[in-house]
mmCIF file of all heavy atoms, coordinates in Angstrom:
data_MODEL
# 
_entry.id   MODEL 
# 
loop_
_atom_site.group_PDB 
_atom_site.id 
_atom_site.type_symbol 
_atom_site.label_atom_id 
_atom_site.label_alt_id 
_atom_site.label_comp_id 
_atom_site.label_asym_id 
_atom_site.label_entity_id 
_atom_site.label_seq_id 
_atom_site.pdbx_PDB_ins_code 
_atom_site.Cartn_x 
_atom_site.Cartn_y 
_atom_site.Cartn_z 
_atom_site.occupancy 
_atom_site.B_iso_or_equiv 
_atom_site.pdbx_formal_charge 
_atom_site.auth_seq_id 
_atom_site.auth_comp_id 
_atom_site.auth_asym_id 
_atom_site.auth_atom_id 
_atom_site.pdbx_PDB_model_num 
ATOM 1   N N   . LEU A 1 1  ? 0.769  -1.208 -0.049 1.00 0.00 ? 1  LEU A N   1 
ATOM 2   C CA  . LEU A 1 1  ? 0.035  0.024  0.026  1.00 0.00 ? 1  LEU A CA  1 
ATOM 3   C C   . LEU A 1 1  ? 0.840  1.216  0.010  1.00 0.00 ? 1  LEU A C   1 
ATOM 4   O O   . LEU A 1 1  ? 0.513  2.226  -0.566 1.00 0.00 ? 1  LEU A O   1 
ATOM 5   C CB  . LEU A 1 1  ? -0.967 -0.039 1.232  1.00 0.00 ? 1  LEU A CB  1 
ATOM 6   C CG  . LEU A 1 1  ? -0.474 0.254  2.547  1.00 0.00 ? 1  LEU A CG  1 
ATOM 7   C CD1 . LEU A 1 1  ? -0.779 1.720  3.039  1.00 0.00 ? 1  LEU A CD1 1 
ATOM 8   C CD2 . LEU A 1 1  ? -1.110 -0.683 3.598  1.00 0.00 ? 1  LEU A CD2 1 
ATOM 9   N N   . PHE A 1 2  ? 2.107  1.148  0.513  1.00 0.00 ? 2  PHE A N   1 
ATOM 10  C CA  . PHE A 1 2  ? 3.051  2.370  0.576  1.00 0.00 ? 2  PHE A CA  1 
ATOM 11  C C   . PHE A 1 2  ? 4.394  1.846  0.246  1.00 0.00 ? 2  PHE A C   1 
ATOM 12  O O   . PHE A 1 2  ? 4.877  0.850  0.776  1.00 0.00 ? 2  PHE A O   1 
ATOM 13  C CB  . PHE A 1 2  ? 2.996  2.958  2.021  1.00 0.00 ? 2  PHE A CB  1 
ATOM 14  C CG  . PHE A 1 2  ? 3.829  4.173  2.288  1.00 0.00 ? 2  PHE A CG  1 
ATOM 15  C CD1 . PHE A 1 2  ? 3.314  5.439  2.033  1.00 0.00 ? 2  PHE A CD1 1 
ATOM 16  C CD2 . PHE A 1 2  ? 5.110  4.041  2.476  1.00 0.00 ? 2  PHE A CD2 1 
ATOM 17  C CE1 . PHE A 1 2  ? 4.109  6.500  2.220  1.00 0.00 ? 2  PHE A CE1 1 
ATOM 18  C CE2 . PHE A 1 2  ? 5.957  5.127  2.683  1.00 0.00 ? 2  PHE A CE2 1 
ATOM 19  C CZ  . PHE A 1 2  ? 5.492  6.366  2.538  1.00 0.00 ? 2  PHE A CZ  1 
ATOM 20  N N   . LEU A 1 3  ? 5.092  2.673  -0.580 1.00 0.00 ? 3  LEU A N   1 
ATOM 21  C CA  . LEU A 1 3  ? 6.418  2.419  -0.968 1.00 0.00 ? 3  LEU A CA  1 
ATOM 22  C C   . LEU A 1 3  ? 7.260  3.660  -0.888 1.00 0.00 ? 3  LEU A C   1 
ATOM 23  O O   . LEU A 1 3  ? 6.776  4.698  -1.387 1.00 0.00 ? 3  LEU A O   1 
ATOM 24  C CB  . LEU A 1 3  ? 6.463  1.831  -2.323 1.00 0.00 ? 3  LEU A CB  1 
ATOM 25  C CG  . LEU A 1 3  ? 7.974  1.726  -3.032 1.00 0.00 ? 3  LEU A CG  1 
ATOM 26  C CD1 . LEU A 1 3  ? 8.824  0.709  -2.190 1.00 0.00 ? 3  LEU A CD1 1 
ATOM 27  C CD2 . LEU A 1 3  ? 7.807  1.382  -4.463 1.00 0.00 ? 3  LEU A CD2 1 
ATOM 28  N N   . ARG A 1 4  ? 8.353  3.734  -0.239 1.00 0.00 ? 4  ARG A N   1 
ATOM 29  C CA  . ARG A 1 4  ? 9.353  4.781  -0.288 1.00 0.00 ? 4  ARG A CA  1 
ATOM 30  C C   . ARG A 1 4  ? 10.674 4.202  -0.751 1.00 0.00 ? 4  ARG A C   1 
ATOM 31  O O   . ARG A 1 4  ? 11.206 3.292  -0.225 1.00 0.00 ? 4  ARG A O   1 
ATOM 32  C CB  . ARG A 1 4  ? 9.492  5.318  1.237  1.00 0.00 ? 4  ARG A CB  1 
ATOM 33  C CG  . ARG A 1 4  ? 10.692 6.390  1.263  1.00 0.00 ? 4  ARG A CG  1 
ATOM 34  C CD  . ARG A 1 4  ? 10.596 7.040  2.610  1.00 0.00 ? 4  ARG A CD  1 
ATOM 35  N NE  . ARG A 1 4  ? 9.530  7.903  2.888  1.00 0.00 ? 4  ARG A NE  1 
ATOM 36  C CZ  . ARG A 1 4  ? 9.246  8.431  4.137  1.00 0.00 ? 4  ARG A CZ  1 
ATOM 37  N NH1 . ARG A 1 4  ? 9.987  8.161  5.165  1.00 0.00 ? 4  ARG A NH1 1 
ATOM 38  N NH2 . ARG A 1 4  ? 8.218  9.169  4.273  1.00 0.00 ? 4  ARG A NH2 1 
ATOM 39  N N   . ASP A 1 5  ? 11.226 4.958  -1.742 1.00 0.00 ? 5  ASP A N   1 
ATOM 40  C CA  . ASP A 1 5  ? 12.493 4.577  -2.230 1.00 0.00 ? 5  ASP A CA  1 
ATOM 41  C C   . ASP A 1 5  ? 13.194 5.883  -2.608 1.00 0.00 ? 5  ASP A C   1 
ATOM 42  O O   . ASP A 1 5  ? 12.785 6.925  -2.216 1.00 0.00 ? 5  ASP A O   1 
ATOM 43  C CB  . ASP A 1 5  ? 12.410 3.712  -3.474 1.00 0.00 ? 5  ASP A CB  1 
ATOM 44  C CG  . ASP A 1 5  ? 11.722 4.281  -4.666 1.00 0.00 ? 5  ASP A CG  1 
ATOM 45  O OD1 . ASP A 1 5  ? 11.548 5.481  -4.717 1.00 0.00 ? 5  ASP A OD1 1 
ATOM 46  O OD2 . ASP A 1 5  ? 11.394 3.555  -5.624 1.00 0.00 ? 5  ASP A OD2 1 
ATOM 47  N N   . GLY A 1 6  ? 14.334 5.776  -3.320 1.00 0.00 ? 6  GLY A N   1 
ATOM 48  C CA  . GLY A 1 6  ? 15.142 6.970  -3.533 1.00 0.00 ? 6  GLY A CA  1 
ATOM 49  C C   . GLY A 1 6  ? 14.468 8.159  -4.250 1.00 0.00 ? 6  GLY A C   1 
ATOM 50  O O   . GLY A 1 6  ? 14.721 9.273  -4.182 1.00 0.00 ? 6  GLY A O   1 
ATOM 51  N N   . SER A 1 7  ? 13.340 7.766  -5.015 1.00 0.00 ? 7  SER A N   1 
ATOM 52  C CA  . SER A 1 7  ? 12.732 8.757  -5.783 1.00 0.00 ? 7  SER A CA  1 
ATOM 53  C C   . SER A 1 7  ? 11.440 9.295  -5.179 1.00 0.00 ? 7  SER A C   1 
ATOM 54  O O   . SER A 1 7  ? 10.969 10.278 -5.749 1.00 0.00 ? 7  SER A O   1 
ATOM 55  C CB  . SER A 1 7  ? 12.294 8.199  -7.135 1.00 0.00 ? 7  SER A CB  1 
ATOM 56  O OG  . SER A 1 7  ? 11.384 7.163  -6.994 1.00 0.00 ? 7  SER A OG  1 
ATOM 57  N N   . GLY A 1 8  ? 10.995 8.837  -3.969 1.00 0.00 ? 8  GLY A N   1 
ATOM 58  C CA  . GLY A 1 8  ? 9.885  9.495  -3.387 1.00 0.00 ? 8  GLY A CA  1 
ATOM 59  C C   . GLY A 1 8  ? 8.927  8.469  -2.635 1.00 0.00 ? 8  GLY A C   1 
ATOM 60  O O   . GLY A 1 8  ? 9.318  7.256  -2.429 1.00 0.00 ? 8  GLY A O   1 
ATOM 61  N N   . ASP A 1 9  ? 7.779  8.857  -2.248 1.00 0.00 ? 9  ASP A N   1 
ATOM 62  C CA  . ASP A 1 9  ? 6.706  8.146  -1.612 1.00 0.00 ? 9  ASP A CA  1 
ATOM 63  C C   . ASP A 1 9  ? 5.615  7.801  -2.577 1.00 0.00 ? 9  ASP A C   1 
ATOM 64  O O   . ASP A 1 9  ? 5.161  8.709  -3.345 1.00 0.00 ? 9  ASP A O   1 
ATOM 65  C CB  . ASP A 1 9  ? 6.221  8.883  -0.461 1.00 0.00 ? 9  ASP A CB  1 
ATOM 66  C CG  . ASP A 1 9  ? 7.127  9.090  0.738  1.00 0.00 ? 9  ASP A CG  1 
ATOM 67  O OD1 . ASP A 1 9  ? 8.257  8.552  0.641  1.00 0.00 ? 9  ASP A OD1 1 
ATOM 68  O OD2 . ASP A 1 9  ? 6.722  9.718  1.741  1.00 0.00 ? 9  ASP A OD2 1 
ATOM 69  N N   . TYR A 1 10 ? 5.219  6.587  -2.550 1.00 0.00 ? 10 TYR A N   1 
ATOM 70  C CA  . TYR A 1 10 ? 4.107  6.202  -3.437 1.00 0.00 ? 10 TYR A CA  1 
ATOM 71  C C   . TYR A 1 10 ? 3.047  5.479  -2.664 1.00 0.00 ? 10 TYR A C   1 
ATOM 72  O O   . TYR A 1 10 ? 3.332  4.431  -1.918 1.00 0.00 ? 10 TYR A O   1 
ATOM 73  C CB  . TYR A 1 10 ? 4.659  5.273  -4.615 1.00 0.00 ? 10 TYR A CB  1 
ATOM 74  C CG  . TYR A 1 10 ? 5.701  5.956  -5.331 1.00 0.00 ? 10 TYR A CG  1 
ATOM 75  C CD1 . TYR A 1 10 ? 7.128  5.697  -4.931 1.00 0.00 ? 10 TYR A CD1 1 
ATOM 76  C CD2 . TYR A 1 10 ? 5.458  6.736  -6.385 1.00 0.00 ? 10 TYR A CD2 1 
ATOM 77  C CE1 . TYR A 1 10 ? 8.108  6.362  -5.627 1.00 0.00 ? 10 TYR A CE1 1 
ATOM 78  C CE2 . TYR A 1 10 ? 6.578  7.438  -7.052 1.00 0.00 ? 10 TYR A CE2 1 
ATOM 79  C CZ  . TYR A 1 10 ? 7.823  7.153  -6.640 1.00 0.00 ? 10 TYR A CZ  1 
ATOM 80  O OH  . TYR A 1 10 ? 8.803  7.857  -7.305 1.00 0.00 ? 10 TYR A OH  1 
ATOM 81  N N   . ILE A 1 11 ? 1.740  5.716  -3.036 1.00 0.00 ? 11 ILE A N   1 
ATOM 82  C CA  . ILE A 1 11 ? 0.624  5.058  -2.386 1.00 0.00 ? 11 ILE A CA  1 
ATOM 83  C C   . ILE A 1 11 ? 0.064  4.208  -3.459 1.00 0.00 ? 11 ILE A C   1 
ATOM 84  O O   . ILE A 1 11 ? -0.451 4.723  -4.504 1.00 0.00 ? 11 ILE A O   1 
ATOM 85  C CB  . ILE A 1 11 ? -0.455 6.010  -1.803 1.00 0.00 ? 11 ILE A CB  1 
ATOM 86  C CG1 . ILE A 1 11 ? 0.333  6.676  -0.520 1.00 0.00 ? 11 ILE A CG1 1 
ATOM 87  C CG2 . ILE A 1 11 ? -1.666 5.239  -1.304 1.00 0.00 ? 11 ILE A CG2 1 
ATOM 88  C CD1 . ILE A 1 11 ? -0.343 7.953  -0.064 1.00 0.00 ? 11 ILE A CD1 1 
ATOM 89  N N   . LEU A 1 12 ? 0.144  2.882  -3.330 1.00 0.00 ? 12 LEU A N   1 
ATOM 90  C CA  . LEU A 1 12 ? -0.025 1.995  -4.470 1.00 0.00 ? 12 LEU A CA  1 
ATOM 91  C C   . LEU A 1 12 ? -1.497 1.339  -4.511 1.00 0.00 ? 12 LEU A C   1 
ATOM 92  O O   . LEU A 1 12 ? -1.870 0.787  -5.495 1.00 0.00 ? 12 LEU A O   1 
ATOM 93  C CB  . LEU A 1 12 ? 0.982  0.919  -4.482 1.00 0.00 ? 12 LEU A CB  1 
ATOM 94  C CG  . LEU A 1 12 ? 2.379  1.373  -4.530 1.00 0.00 ? 12 LEU A CG  1 
ATOM 95  C CD1 . LEU A 1 12 ? 3.402  0.255  -4.421 1.00 0.00 ? 12 LEU A CD1 1 
ATOM 96  C CD2 . LEU A 1 12 ? 2.600  2.191  -5.834 1.00 0.00 ? 12 LEU A CD2 1 
ATOM 97  N N   . LEU A 1 13 ? -2.219 1.426  -3.405 1.00 0.00 ? 13 LEU A N   1 
ATOM 98  C CA  . LEU A 1 13 ? -3.545 0.975  -3.387 1.00 0.00 ? 13 LEU A CA  1 
ATOM 99  C C   . LEU A 1 13 ? -4.567 2.150  -3.265 1.00 0.00 ? 13 LEU A C   1 
ATOM 100 O O   . LEU A 1 13 ? -4.419 2.903  -2.306 1.00 0.00 ? 13 LEU A O   1 
ATOM 101 C CB  . LEU A 1 13 ? -3.844 0.013  -2.177 1.00 0.00 ? 13 LEU A CB  1 
ATOM 102 C CG  . LEU A 1 13 ? -2.970 -1.308 -2.156 1.00 0.00 ? 13 LEU A CG  1 
ATOM 103 C CD1 . LEU A 1 13 ? -3.244 -2.117 -0.846 1.00 0.00 ? 13 LEU A CD1 1 
ATOM 104 C CD2 . LEU A 1 13 ? -3.386 -2.133 -3.372 1.00 0.00 ? 13 LEU A CD2 1 
ATOM 105 N N   . SER A 1 14 ? -5.421 2.194  -4.207 1.00 0.00 ? 14 SER A N   1 
ATOM 106 C CA  . SER A 1 14 ? -6.292 3.381  -4.327 1.00 0.00 ? 14 SER A CA  1 
ATOM 107 C C   . SER A 1 14 ? -7.111 3.641  -3.073 1.00 0.00 ? 14 SER A C   1 
ATOM 108 O O   . SER A 1 14 ? -7.470 4.814  -2.810 1.00 0.00 ? 14 SER A O   1 
ATOM 109 C CB  . SER A 1 14 ? -7.167 3.291  -5.538 1.00 0.00 ? 14 SER A CB  1 
ATOM 110 O OG  . SER A 1 14 ? -7.983 2.141  -5.500 1.00 0.00 ? 14 SER A OG  1 
ATOM 111 N N   . GLU A 1 15 ? -7.542 2.622  -2.359 1.00 0.00 ? 15 GLU A N   1 
ATOM 112 C CA  . GLU A 1 15 ? -8.438 2.848  -1.204 1.00 0.00 ? 15 GLU A CA  1 
ATOM 113 C C   . GLU A 1 15 ? -7.766 3.602  -0.112 1.00 0.00 ? 15 GLU A C   1 
ATOM 114 O O   . GLU A 1 15 ? -8.273 4.068  0.823  1.00 0.00 ? 15 GLU A O   1 
ATOM 115 C CB  . GLU A 1 15 ? -9.078 1.622  -0.654 1.00 0.00 ? 15 GLU A CB  1 
ATOM 116 C CG  . GLU A 1 15 ? -8.190 0.538  -0.013 1.00 0.00 ? 15 GLU A CG  1 
ATOM 117 C CD  . GLU A 1 15 ? -7.787 -0.697 -0.880 1.00 0.00 ? 15 GLU A CD  1 
ATOM 118 O OE1 . GLU A 1 15 ? -7.626 -0.475 -2.129 1.00 0.00 ? 15 GLU A OE1 1 
ATOM 119 O OE2 . GLU A 1 15 ? -7.737 -1.702 -0.284 1.00 0.00 ? 15 GLU A OE2 1 
ATOM 120 N N   . TYR A 1 16 ? -6.403 3.617  -0.221 1.00 0.00 ? 16 TYR A N   1 
ATOM 121 C CA  . TYR A 1 16 ? -5.554 4.380  0.778  1.00 0.00 ? 16 TYR A CA  1 
ATOM 122 C C   . TYR A 1 16 ? -5.157 5.725  0.392  1.00 0.00 ? 16 TYR A C   1 
ATOM 123 O O   . TYR A 1 16 ? -4.455 6.484  1.086  1.00 0.00 ? 16 TYR A O   1 
ATOM 124 C CB  . TYR A 1 16 ? -4.442 3.549  1.238  1.00 0.00 ? 16 TYR A CB  1 
ATOM 125 C CG  . TYR A 1 16 ? -4.648 2.245  2.055  1.00 0.00 ? 16 TYR A CG  1 
ATOM 126 C CD1 . TYR A 1 16 ? -4.716 1.026  1.332  1.00 0.00 ? 16 TYR A CD1 1 
ATOM 127 C CD2 . TYR A 1 16 ? -4.897 2.398  3.335  1.00 0.00 ? 16 TYR A CD2 1 
ATOM 128 C CE1 . TYR A 1 16 ? -5.112 -0.064 2.005  1.00 0.00 ? 16 TYR A CE1 1 
ATOM 129 C CE2 . TYR A 1 16 ? -5.193 1.218  4.118  1.00 0.00 ? 16 TYR A CE2 1 
ATOM 130 C CZ  . TYR A 1 16 ? -5.357 0.004  3.349  1.00 0.00 ? 16 TYR A CZ  1 
ATOM 131 O OH  . TYR A 1 16 ? -5.686 -1.185 4.099  1.00 0.00 ? 16 TYR A OH  1 
ATOM 132 N N   . ARG A 1 17 ? -5.453 6.124  -0.866 1.00 0.00 ? 17 ARG A N   1 
ATOM 133 C CA  . ARG A 1 17 ? -5.006 7.368  -1.310 1.00 0.00 ? 17 ARG A CA  1 
ATOM 134 C C   . ARG A 1 17 ? -5.411 8.570  -0.462 1.00 0.00 ? 17 ARG A C   1 
ATOM 135 O O   . ARG A 1 17 ? -6.556 8.499  -0.031 1.00 0.00 ? 17 ARG A O   1 
ATOM 136 C CB  . ARG A 1 17 ? -5.516 7.609  -2.838 1.00 0.00 ? 17 ARG A CB  1 
ATOM 137 C CG  . ARG A 1 17 ? -4.588 8.555  -3.558 1.00 0.00 ? 17 ARG A CG  1 
ATOM 138 C CD  . ARG A 1 17 ? -4.249 8.168  -5.008 1.00 0.00 ? 17 ARG A CD  1 
ATOM 139 N NE  . ARG A 1 17 ? -3.482 6.927  -5.052 1.00 0.00 ? 17 ARG A NE  1 
ATOM 140 C CZ  . ARG A 1 17 ? -3.460 6.059  -6.062 1.00 0.00 ? 17 ARG A CZ  1 
ATOM 141 N NH1 . ARG A 1 17 ? -4.389 6.186  -7.026 1.00 0.00 ? 17 ARG A NH1 1 
ATOM 142 N NH2 . ARG A 1 17 ? -2.656 5.162  -6.116 1.00 0.00 ? 17 ARG A NH2 1 
ATOM 143 N N   . ASP A 1 18 ? -4.569 9.525  -0.222 1.00 0.00 ? 18 ASP A N   1 
ATOM 144 C CA  . ASP A 1 18 ? -4.867 10.691 0.677  1.00 0.00 ? 18 ASP A CA  1 
ATOM 145 C C   . ASP A 1 18 ? -5.230 10.260 2.134  1.00 0.00 ? 18 ASP A C   1 
ATOM 146 O O   . ASP A 1 18 ? -5.631 11.091 2.933  1.00 0.00 ? 18 ASP A O   1 
ATOM 147 C CB  . ASP A 1 18 ? -6.016 11.465 0.156  1.00 0.00 ? 18 ASP A CB  1 
ATOM 148 C CG  . ASP A 1 18 ? -5.842 11.989 -1.231 1.00 0.00 ? 18 ASP A CG  1 
ATOM 149 O OD1 . ASP A 1 18 ? -4.643 12.299 -1.607 1.00 0.00 ? 18 ASP A OD1 1 
ATOM 150 O OD2 . ASP A 1 18 ? -6.728 12.028 -2.073 1.00 0.00 ? 18 ASP A OD2 1 
ATOM 151 N N   . ARG A 1 19 ? -4.867 8.982  2.498  1.00 0.00 ? 19 ARG A N   1 
ATOM 152 C CA  . ARG A 1 19 ? -5.166 8.637  3.879  1.00 0.00 ? 19 ARG A CA  1 
ATOM 153 C C   . ARG A 1 19 ? -4.052 8.129  4.638  1.00 0.00 ? 19 ARG A C   1 
ATOM 154 O O   . ARG A 1 19 ? -4.139 7.894  5.853  1.00 0.00 ? 19 ARG A O   1 
ATOM 155 C CB  . ARG A 1 19 ? -6.342 7.570  3.913  1.00 0.00 ? 19 ARG A CB  1 
ATOM 156 C CG  . ARG A 1 19 ? -7.648 7.993  3.541  1.00 0.00 ? 19 ARG A CG  1 
ATOM 157 C CD  . ARG A 1 19 ? -8.739 7.073  3.913  1.00 0.00 ? 19 ARG A CD  1 
ATOM 158 N NE  . ARG A 1 19 ? -8.605 5.710  3.424  1.00 0.00 ? 19 ARG A NE  1 
ATOM 159 C CZ  . ARG A 1 19 ? -8.621 4.554  4.314  1.00 0.00 ? 19 ARG A CZ  1 
ATOM 160 N NH1 . ARG A 1 19 ? -8.901 4.798  5.613  1.00 0.00 ? 19 ARG A NH1 1 
ATOM 161 N NH2 . ARG A 1 19 ? -8.544 3.402  3.781  1.00 0.00 ? 19 ARG A NH2 1 
ATOM 162 N N   . VAL A 1 20 ? -2.940 7.807  3.942  1.00 0.00 ? 20 VAL A N   1 
ATOM 163 C CA  . VAL A 1 20 ? -1.734 7.261  4.629  1.00 0.00 ? 20 VAL A CA  1 
ATOM 164 C C   . VAL A 1 20 ? -0.520 8.129  4.440  1.00 0.00 ? 20 VAL A C   1 
ATOM 165 O O   . VAL A 1 20 ? -0.344 8.815  3.389  1.00 0.00 ? 20 VAL A O   1 
ATOM 166 C CB  . VAL A 1 20 ? -1.473 5.762  4.221  1.00 0.00 ? 20 VAL A CB  1 
ATOM 167 C CG1 . VAL A 1 20 ? -2.569 4.849  4.466  1.00 0.00 ? 20 VAL A CG1 1 
ATOM 168 C CG2 . VAL A 1 20 ? -1.084 5.699  2.725  1.00 0.00 ? 20 VAL A CG2 1 
ATOM 169 N N   . SER A 1 21 ? 0.392  8.104  5.425  1.00 0.00 ? 21 SER A N   1 
ATOM 170 C CA  . SER A 1 21 ? 1.617  8.745  5.325  1.00 0.00 ? 21 SER A CA  1 
ATOM 171 C C   . SER A 1 21 ? 2.609  8.244  6.305  1.00 0.00 ? 21 SER A C   1 
ATOM 172 O O   . SER A 1 21 ? 2.331  7.485  7.218  1.00 0.00 ? 21 SER A O   1 
ATOM 173 C CB  . SER A 1 21 ? 1.489  10.369 5.678  1.00 0.00 ? 21 SER A CB  1 
ATOM 174 O OG  . SER A 1 21 ? 1.042  10.356 7.138  1.00 0.00 ? 21 SER A OG  1 
ATOM 175 N N   . VAL A 1 22 ? 3.885  8.410  6.101  1.00 0.00 ? 22 VAL A N   1 
ATOM 176 C CA  . VAL A 1 22 ? 5.035  8.074  6.982  1.00 0.00 ? 22 VAL A CA  1 
ATOM 177 C C   . VAL A 1 22 ? 5.825  9.303  7.107  1.00 0.00 ? 22 VAL A C   1 
ATOM 178 O O   . VAL A 1 22 ? 6.113  9.998  6.132  1.00 0.00 ? 22 VAL A O   1 
ATOM 179 C CB  . VAL A 1 22 ? 5.861  6.987  6.348  1.00 0.00 ? 22 VAL A CB  1 
ATOM 180 C CG1 . VAL A 1 22 ? 7.089  6.648  7.234  1.00 0.00 ? 22 VAL A CG1 1 
ATOM 181 C CG2 . VAL A 1 22 ? 5.004  5.683  6.120  1.00 0.00 ? 22 VAL A CG2 1 
ATOM 182 N N   . LEU A 1 23 ? 6.362  9.659  8.411  1.00 0.00 ? 23 LEU A N   1 
ATOM 183 C CA  . LEU A 1 23 ? 7.022  10.849 8.674  1.00 0.00 ? 23 LEU A CA  1 
ATOM 184 C C   . LEU A 1 23 ? 8.362  10.950 7.673  1.00 0.00 ? 23 LEU A C   1 
ATOM 185 O O   . LEU A 1 23 ? 8.789  9.812  7.329  1.00 0.00 ? 23 LEU A O   1 
ATOM 186 C CB  . LEU A 1 23 ? 7.613  10.805 10.059 1.00 0.00 ? 23 LEU A CB  1 
ATOM 187 C CG  . LEU A 1 23 ? 6.543  11.079 11.224 1.00 0.00 ? 23 LEU A CG  1 
ATOM 188 C CD1 . LEU A 1 23 ? 7.201  11.003 12.517 1.00 0.00 ? 23 LEU A CD1 1 
ATOM 189 C CD2 . LEU A 1 23 ? 5.942  12.487 10.975 1.00 0.00 ? 23 LEU A CD2 1 
ATOM 190 N N   . LYS A 1 24 ? 8.689  12.076 7.245  1.00 0.00 ? 24 LYS A N   1 
ATOM 191 C CA  . LYS A 1 24 ? 9.738  12.300 6.371  1.00 0.00 ? 24 LYS A CA  1 
ATOM 192 C C   . LYS A 1 24 ? 11.155 12.326 7.032  1.00 0.00 ? 24 LYS A C   1 
ATOM 193 O O   . LYS A 1 24 ? 11.956 11.451 6.738  1.00 0.00 ? 24 LYS A O   1 
ATOM 194 C CB  . LYS A 1 24 ? 9.562  13.631 5.523  1.00 0.00 ? 24 LYS A CB  1 
ATOM 195 C CG  . LYS A 1 24 ? 8.542  13.469 4.468  1.00 0.00 ? 24 LYS A CG  1 
ATOM 196 C CD  . LYS A 1 24 ? 9.240  13.281 3.063  1.00 0.00 ? 24 LYS A CD  1 
ATOM 197 C CE  . LYS A 1 24 ? 8.368  13.533 1.869  1.00 0.00 ? 24 LYS A CE  1 
ATOM 198 N NZ  . LYS A 1 24 ? 7.175  12.635 1.767  1.00 0.00 ? 24 LYS A NZ  1 
ATOM 199 N N   . ASP A 1 25 ? 11.291 13.271 7.910  1.00 0.00 ? 25 ASP A N   1 
ATOM 200 C CA  . ASP A 1 25 ? 12.716 13.523 8.361  1.00 0.00 ? 25 ASP A CA  1 
ATOM 201 C C   . ASP A 1 25 ? 12.845 12.897 9.871  1.00 0.00 ? 25 ASP A C   1 
ATOM 202 O O   . ASP A 1 25 ? 13.193 13.615 10.746 1.00 0.00 ? 25 ASP A O   1 
ATOM 203 C CB  . ASP A 1 25 ? 13.063 14.931 8.414  1.00 0.00 ? 25 ASP A CB  1 
ATOM 204 C CG  . ASP A 1 25 ? 12.912 15.535 6.906  1.00 0.00 ? 25 ASP A CG  1 
ATOM 205 O OD1 . ASP A 1 25 ? 13.531 14.914 6.068  1.00 0.00 ? 25 ASP A OD1 1 
ATOM 206 O OD2 . ASP A 1 25 ? 12.222 16.471 6.805  1.00 0.00 ? 25 ASP A OD2 1 
ATOM 207 N N   . ALA A 1 26 ? 12.554 11.643 9.881  1.00 0.00 ? 26 ALA A N   1 
ATOM 208 C CA  . ALA A 1 26 ? 12.656 10.966 11.250 1.00 0.00 ? 26 ALA A CA  1 
ATOM 209 C C   . ALA A 1 26 ? 13.381 9.703  11.094 1.00 0.00 ? 26 ALA A C   1 
ATOM 210 O O   . ALA A 1 26 ? 12.797 8.619  11.049 1.00 0.00 ? 26 ALA A O   1 
ATOM 211 C CB  . ALA A 1 26 ? 11.251 10.731 11.876 1.00 0.00 ? 26 ALA A CB  1 
ATOM 212 N N   . PRO A 1 27 ? 14.734 9.790  11.091 1.00 0.00 ? 27 PRO A N   1 
ATOM 213 C CA  . PRO A 1 27 ? 15.585 8.555  10.853 1.00 0.00 ? 27 PRO A CA  1 
ATOM 214 C C   . PRO A 1 27 ? 15.144 7.400  11.844 1.00 0.00 ? 27 PRO A C   1 
ATOM 215 O O   . PRO A 1 27 ? 15.138 7.628  13.021 1.00 0.00 ? 27 PRO A O   1 
ATOM 216 C CB  . PRO A 1 27 ? 16.966 9.003  11.116 1.00 0.00 ? 27 PRO A CB  1 
ATOM 217 C CG  . PRO A 1 27 ? 16.905 10.492 10.884 1.00 0.00 ? 27 PRO A CG  1 
ATOM 218 C CD  . PRO A 1 27 ? 15.607 10.950 11.424 1.00 0.00 ? 27 PRO A CD  1 
# 
């Protein structure tokens, strides 16, 4: 449902669009 790689963040399942996130600058 969520993929983060070197090129950015991707939400891959449409039912989660605009509803999921992962913090950006929190190693």
